Amino acid sequence: MPTAPTIDLTTSGTTATLRIDHPQRKNAMTAHMWGLLPRLLEPLAKDPSVRVVVLTGAGTDFCAGADISELTAGADGTAGGGAVDVDAAGARVLDDRLAEAAGEALAAFPKPTIAMVDGLCVGGGCLLATACDLRVGTPRTRVGVPAAKLGVVYPASSLRRIVALAGPSTAKRLLFTADLLGAEEALRTGLLDEVVPESELAHHVTGLAATVGDRSQVSVRAAKSLVDAIGAGGLTPDLARSWDEEAVRSGDLHEGITAFLERRPARFAAPPS
């Protein structure tokens, strides 16, 4: 019997993995799951033992978007309860606020995030993947935004991230046609950062997360903060200066230079919560 759709949390070393667990519907996100994601991220941001978060999907798909079966929810809240009531159930499911809040929480997360994107990455799945810092796919990855097939206006915050990654022309083509891009085209346009064989995906992402977790976390988080500020047009001298001061205060700058001169691996201190 299928389990209730949820998002699972596991940790290994300095990496926390969030797994979208709704494989019977290709990991489509229910309203409950959209609301759950920010609640899972909040304590991870404060946990000094967690340095990287990986977002993935159960089975062979990343996420097929919002669970439209909730449109036919019955009085008891179970899917498939009857005819579609667009004015009631549709307003609940297609309201962008839960999805946008989840995407914004992921994009604003202060630590590095990696989307492990196998199979479908569609609609709300694209919203989640583009809110991550890095995206690693496989040859069977398919990326798209089918909003025009549903009469949906895609969330502006997610659209902004797609434009930043792939450019206005690709973003318009995705939205105008609702077509899915294959892995190689997604890589070429910037919607994916890497494409690796399916059999190597988990191992590759685990290694990438471990590498990032082993670096100076002050430097890594400064890079995320500053790059995001540049992308948003909000980089200020004060922000850059504050990160320079934090590198000195934390001891990471001293340790990094000392380790380099002594030709040994750096032993960076754990960042404060």
Protein backbone atom coordinates (compact mmCIF):
# COMPACT_ATOMS: atom_id res chain seq x y z
CA MET A 1 0.00 0.00 0.00
CA PRO A 2 1.48 3.40 -0.95
CA THR A 3 2.60 5.57 1.94
CA ALA A 4 1.26 9.08 2.43
CA PRO A 5 3.15 11.65 0.33
CA THR A 6 5.82 13.41 2.34
CA ILE A 7 9.39 14.73 2.30
CA ASP A 8 11.89 12.50 4.11
CA LEU A 9 14.94 13.87 5.92
CA THR A 10 18.16 11.90 6.44
CA THR A 11 21.67 13.01 7.38
CA SER A 12 25.09 11.54 6.65
CA GLY A 13 28.24 13.34 7.73
CA THR A 14 27.80 17.03 6.97
CA THR A 15 25.08 16.44 4.35
CA ALA A 16 21.32 16.47 4.92
CA THR A 17 19.18 14.89 2.21
CA LEU A 18 15.56 15.87 1.62
CA ARG A 19 13.75 13.27 -0.48
CA ILE A 20 10.44 14.08 -2.15
CA ASP A 21 8.53 10.87 -1.44
CA HIS A 22 5.44 10.51 -3.62
CA PRO A 23 6.63 8.06 -6.30
CA GLN A 24 3.17 6.79 -7.20
CA ARG A 25 2.56 10.24 -8.73
CA LYS A 26 6.11 10.87 -9.96
CA ASN A 27 6.82 12.85 -6.79
CA ALA A 28 4.16 15.48 -7.46
CA MET A 29 3.97 17.93 -4.57
CA THR A 30 0.81 18.07 -2.46
CA ALA A 31 -0.21 21.15 -0.51
CA HIS A 32 1.04 19.40 2.63
CA MET A 33 4.44 18.80 1.06
CA TRP A 34 4.80 22.41 -0.09
CA GLY A 35 4.12 23.53 3.47
CA LEU A 36 6.44 20.92 4.96
CA LEU A 37 9.57 21.94 3.04
CA PRO A 38 10.16 25.31 4.77
CA ARG A 39 9.57 23.67 8.16
CA LEU A 40 12.25 21.09 7.42
CA LEU A 41 14.72 23.69 6.19
CA GLU A 42 14.46 25.99 9.20
CA PRO A 43 16.23 23.73 11.76
CA LEU A 44 18.80 22.63 9.15
CA ALA A 45 19.85 26.26 8.71
CA LYS A 46 20.62 26.45 12.43
CA ASP A 47 22.33 23.05 12.76
CA PRO A 48 26.12 23.54 12.61
CA SER A 49 26.65 19.86 11.79
CA VAL A 50 24.77 20.29 8.49
CA ARG A 51 26.81 22.07 5.83
CA VAL A 52 25.09 21.02 2.58
CA VAL A 53 21.51 20.05 1.71
CA VAL A 54 20.70 17.71 -1.18
CA LEU A 55 17.17 17.67 -2.63
CA THR A 56 16.14 14.55 -4.52
CA GLY A 57 13.11 12.45 -5.43
CA ALA A 58 12.12 8.90 -4.60
CA GLY A 59 12.32 6.39 -7.43
CA THR A 60 13.20 7.49 -10.95
CA ASP A 61 11.80 11.05 -11.02
CA PHE A 62 12.77 14.27 -9.28
CA CYS A 63 9.37 15.98 -9.19
CA ALA A 64 6.50 16.18 -11.66
CA GLY A 65 5.15 19.44 -10.23
CA ALA A 66 2.04 20.10 -8.17
CA ASP A 67 -0.29 17.18 -7.49
CA ILE A 68 -3.25 18.08 -9.69
CA SER A 69 -5.15 15.04 -8.35
CA GLU A 70 -5.95 17.24 -5.35
CA LEU A 71 -8.33 19.06 -7.68
CA THR A 72 -10.68 16.10 -7.28
CA ALA A 73 -10.27 15.81 -3.53
CA GLY A 74 -13.33 14.55 -1.73
CA ALA A 75 -14.80 15.90 1.45
CA ASP A 76 -12.37 13.77 3.46
CA GLY A 77 -9.39 15.34 1.64
CA THR A 78 -8.46 12.19 -0.26
CA ALA A 79 -7.58 12.48 -3.94
CA GLY A 80 -9.98 11.34 -6.60
CA GLY A 81 -13.12 12.07 -4.58
CA GLY A 82 -15.25 13.38 -7.41
CA ALA A 83 -15.62 15.95 -10.15
CA VAL A 84 -13.25 18.87 -10.42
CA ASP A 85 -14.43 21.99 -8.60
CA VAL A 86 -12.13 24.61 -10.07
CA ASP A 87 -13.59 27.41 -7.96
CA ALA A 88 -12.90 25.59 -4.68
CA ALA A 89 -10.33 22.81 -4.98
CA GLY A 90 -8.68 24.46 -7.97
CA ALA A 91 -8.16 27.69 -6.11
CA ARG A 92 -6.54 25.71 -3.29
CA VAL A 93 -4.19 23.65 -5.44
CA LEU A 94 -3.26 26.26 -8.01
CA ASP A 95 -2.75 29.05 -5.50
CA ASP A 96 0.92 29.87 -5.91
CA ARG A 97 1.50 30.96 -2.35
CA LEU A 98 2.51 27.60 -0.86
CA ALA A 99 4.77 26.73 -3.79
CA GLU A 100 6.32 30.19 -3.88
CA ALA A 101 6.95 30.10 -0.14
CA ALA A 102 8.68 26.73 -0.47
CA GLY A 103 10.80 27.96 -3.37
CA GLU A 104 11.74 31.16 -1.56
CA ALA A 105 12.70 29.22 1.59
CA LEU A 106 14.95 26.98 -0.48
CA ALA A 107 16.51 29.87 -2.41
CA ALA A 108 17.13 31.84 0.80
CA PHE A 109 18.64 28.88 2.66
CA PRO A 110 22.06 30.10 3.82
CA LYS A 111 23.98 26.90 3.10
CA PRO A 112 24.75 25.27 -0.28
CA THR A 113 21.93 23.26 -1.84
CA ILE A 114 22.20 20.65 -4.60
CA ALA A 115 19.29 19.29 -6.63
CA MET A 116 19.82 15.66 -7.68
CA VAL A 117 17.59 15.69 -10.76
CA ASP A 118 16.77 12.31 -12.29
CA GLY A 119 13.80 11.82 -14.62
CA LEU A 120 11.05 14.42 -14.66
CA CYS A 121 11.69 17.94 -13.37
CA VAL A 122 8.49 19.68 -14.38
CA GLY A 123 6.53 22.72 -13.22
CA GLY A 124 6.85 22.81 -9.46
CA GLY A 125 9.82 20.48 -9.80
CA CYS A 126 11.53 23.11 -11.93
CA LEU A 127 10.64 25.67 -9.27
CA LEU A 128 12.44 23.56 -6.65
CA ALA A 129 15.46 22.69 -8.79
CA THR A 130 16.12 26.26 -9.87
CA ALA A 131 15.88 27.40 -6.24
CA CYS A 132 18.90 25.20 -5.47
CA ASP A 133 22.47 26.40 -5.97
CA LEU A 134 23.53 23.47 -8.16
CA ARG A 135 21.63 20.97 -10.32
CA VAL A 136 23.00 17.60 -11.40
CA GLY A 137 20.98 15.53 -13.88
CA THR A 138 21.18 12.32 -15.88
CA PRO A 139 20.60 11.52 -19.57
CA ARG A 140 16.94 10.77 -18.81
CA THR A 141 16.31 14.12 -17.07
CA ARG A 142 13.50 16.15 -18.64
CA VAL A 143 12.95 19.77 -17.64
CA GLY A 144 9.93 21.90 -18.44
CA VAL A 145 7.13 24.20 -17.34
CA PRO A 146 3.68 23.04 -18.56
CA ALA A 147 1.83 26.09 -17.22
CA ALA A 148 0.37 26.92 -20.65
CA LYS A 149 -1.26 23.47 -20.80
CA LEU A 150 -3.06 24.15 -17.51
CA GLY A 151 -3.91 27.83 -17.82
CA VAL A 152 -1.60 28.56 -14.90
CA VAL A 153 0.49 31.71 -14.45
CA TYR A 154 3.89 30.44 -13.34
CA PRO A 155 5.16 31.97 -10.06
CA ALA A 156 7.14 35.13 -10.75
CA SER A 157 9.88 34.33 -8.22
CA SER A 158 10.62 31.01 -9.91
CA LEU A 159 10.39 32.58 -13.35
CA ARG A 160 13.02 35.10 -12.29
CA ARG A 161 15.40 32.26 -11.44
CA ILE A 162 14.77 30.47 -14.75
CA VAL A 163 15.51 33.69 -16.64
CA ALA A 164 18.70 34.20 -14.62
CA LEU A 165 19.90 30.67 -15.42
CA ALA A 166 18.75 30.15 -19.00
CA GLY A 167 18.03 33.63 -20.35
CA PRO A 168 14.79 35.29 -21.48
CA SER A 169 14.50 33.46 -24.81
CA THR A 170 14.76 29.96 -23.35
CA ALA A 171 12.40 30.91 -20.53
CA LYS A 172 9.82 32.17 -23.01
CA ARG A 173 10.12 29.05 -25.16
CA LEU A 174 9.62 26.81 -22.13
CA LEU A 175 6.55 28.76 -21.06
CA PHE A 176 5.05 29.38 -24.51
CA THR A 177 5.30 25.76 -25.70
CA ALA A 178 5.15 23.78 -22.43
CA ASP A 179 7.67 21.44 -24.10
CA LEU A 180 10.21 19.46 -22.09
CA LEU A 181 13.93 19.94 -22.64
CA GLY A 182 16.20 16.92 -22.75
CA ALA A 183 19.21 16.68 -20.47
CA GLU A 184 21.76 17.93 -22.99
CA GLU A 185 19.72 21.00 -23.92
CA ALA A 186 19.04 21.72 -20.25
CA LEU A 187 22.79 21.51 -19.67
CA ARG A 188 23.54 23.78 -22.62
CA THR A 189 21.04 26.42 -21.53
CA GLY A 190 22.18 26.43 -17.90
CA LEU A 191 19.20 24.71 -16.29
CA LEU A 192 21.53 21.83 -15.37
CA ASP A 193 25.14 22.20 -14.23
CA GLU A 194 26.20 18.61 -14.90
CA VAL A 195 24.86 15.44 -16.50
CA VAL A 196 26.15 12.09 -15.26
CA PRO A 197 25.03 8.48 -15.90
CA GLU A 198 22.04 7.35 -13.85
CA SER A 199 24.12 4.69 -12.11
CA GLU A 200 26.63 7.32 -10.95
CA LEU A 201 24.25 10.09 -9.91
CA ALA A 202 23.97 9.35 -6.19
CA HIS A 203 27.70 8.68 -5.80
CA HIS A 204 28.61 11.82 -7.74
CA VAL A 205 26.31 14.11 -5.76
CA THR A 206 27.39 12.55 -2.46
CA GLY A 207 31.00 13.28 -3.37
CA LEU A 208 30.20 16.81 -4.49
CA ALA A 209 28.36 17.54 -1.24
CA ALA A 210 31.24 16.09 0.80
CA THR A 211 33.75 18.26 -1.06
CA VAL A 212 31.73 21.41 -0.43
CA GLY A 213 31.25 20.42 3.20
CA ASP A 214 35.01 20.01 3.64
CA ARG A 215 35.80 23.56 2.52
CA SER A 216 35.82 26.71 4.64
CA GLN A 217 32.18 27.25 5.45
CA VAL A 218 32.72 30.96 5.92
CA SER A 219 34.14 31.14 2.40
CA VAL A 220 31.40 28.93 0.96
CA ARG A 221 28.55 30.83 2.58
CA ALA A 222 30.13 34.15 1.70
CA ALA A 223 30.30 33.01 -1.92
CA LYS A 224 26.62 32.06 -1.90
CA SER A 225 25.60 35.32 -0.24
CA LEU A 226 27.67 37.51 -2.55
CA VAL A 227 26.79 35.70 -5.79
CA ASP A 228 23.10 35.83 -4.91
CA ALA A 229 23.40 39.53 -4.07
CA ILE A 230 25.09 40.20 -7.42
CA GLY A 231 22.33 38.30 -9.23
CA ALA A 232 19.68 40.35 -7.45
CA GLY A 233 21.51 43.62 -8.05
CA GLY A 234 21.91 44.11 -4.32
CA LEU A 235 25.64 43.78 -3.68
CA THR A 236 26.88 46.48 -1.31
CA PRO A 237 30.35 47.29 0.04
CA ASP A 238 29.04 46.66 3.56
CA LEU A 239 27.97 43.11 2.70
CA ALA A 240 31.34 42.28 1.15
CA ARG A 241 33.18 43.87 4.08
CA SER A 242 31.14 41.91 6.62
CA TRP A 243 32.18 38.63 5.04
CA ASP A 244 35.85 39.69 4.96
CA GLU A 245 35.61 40.44 8.67
CA GLU A 246 33.93 37.10 9.35
CA ALA A 247 36.75 35.23 7.57
CA VAL A 248 39.27 36.86 9.91
CA ARG A 249 37.12 36.50 13.03
CA SER A 250 36.41 32.80 12.40
CA GLY A 251 40.08 31.91 12.01
CA ASP A 252 39.45 30.35 8.59
CA LEU A 253 41.63 32.88 6.77
CA HIS A 254 44.56 32.24 9.13
CA GLU A 255 44.12 28.46 8.96
CA GLY A 256 43.81 28.41 5.17
CA ILE A 257 46.98 30.41 4.60
CA THR A 258 48.91 28.50 7.29
CA ALA A 259 47.87 25.14 5.84
CA PHE A 260 48.89 26.25 2.35
CA LEU A 261 52.34 27.35 3.55
CA GLU A 262 52.78 24.14 5.55
CA ARG A 263 51.57 22.04 2.59
CA ARG A 264 48.89 20.25 4.55
CA PRO A 265 45.09 20.05 4.30
CA ALA A 266 43.34 22.90 6.07
CA ARG A 267 41.37 22.08 9.21
CA PHE A 268 38.63 24.66 9.24
CA ALA A 269 36.61 25.20 12.39
CA ALA A 270 32.95 24.25 12.43
CA PRO A 271 30.84 27.35 11.79
CA PRO A 272 28.62 28.65 14.58
CA SER A 273 24.93 27.81 14.43
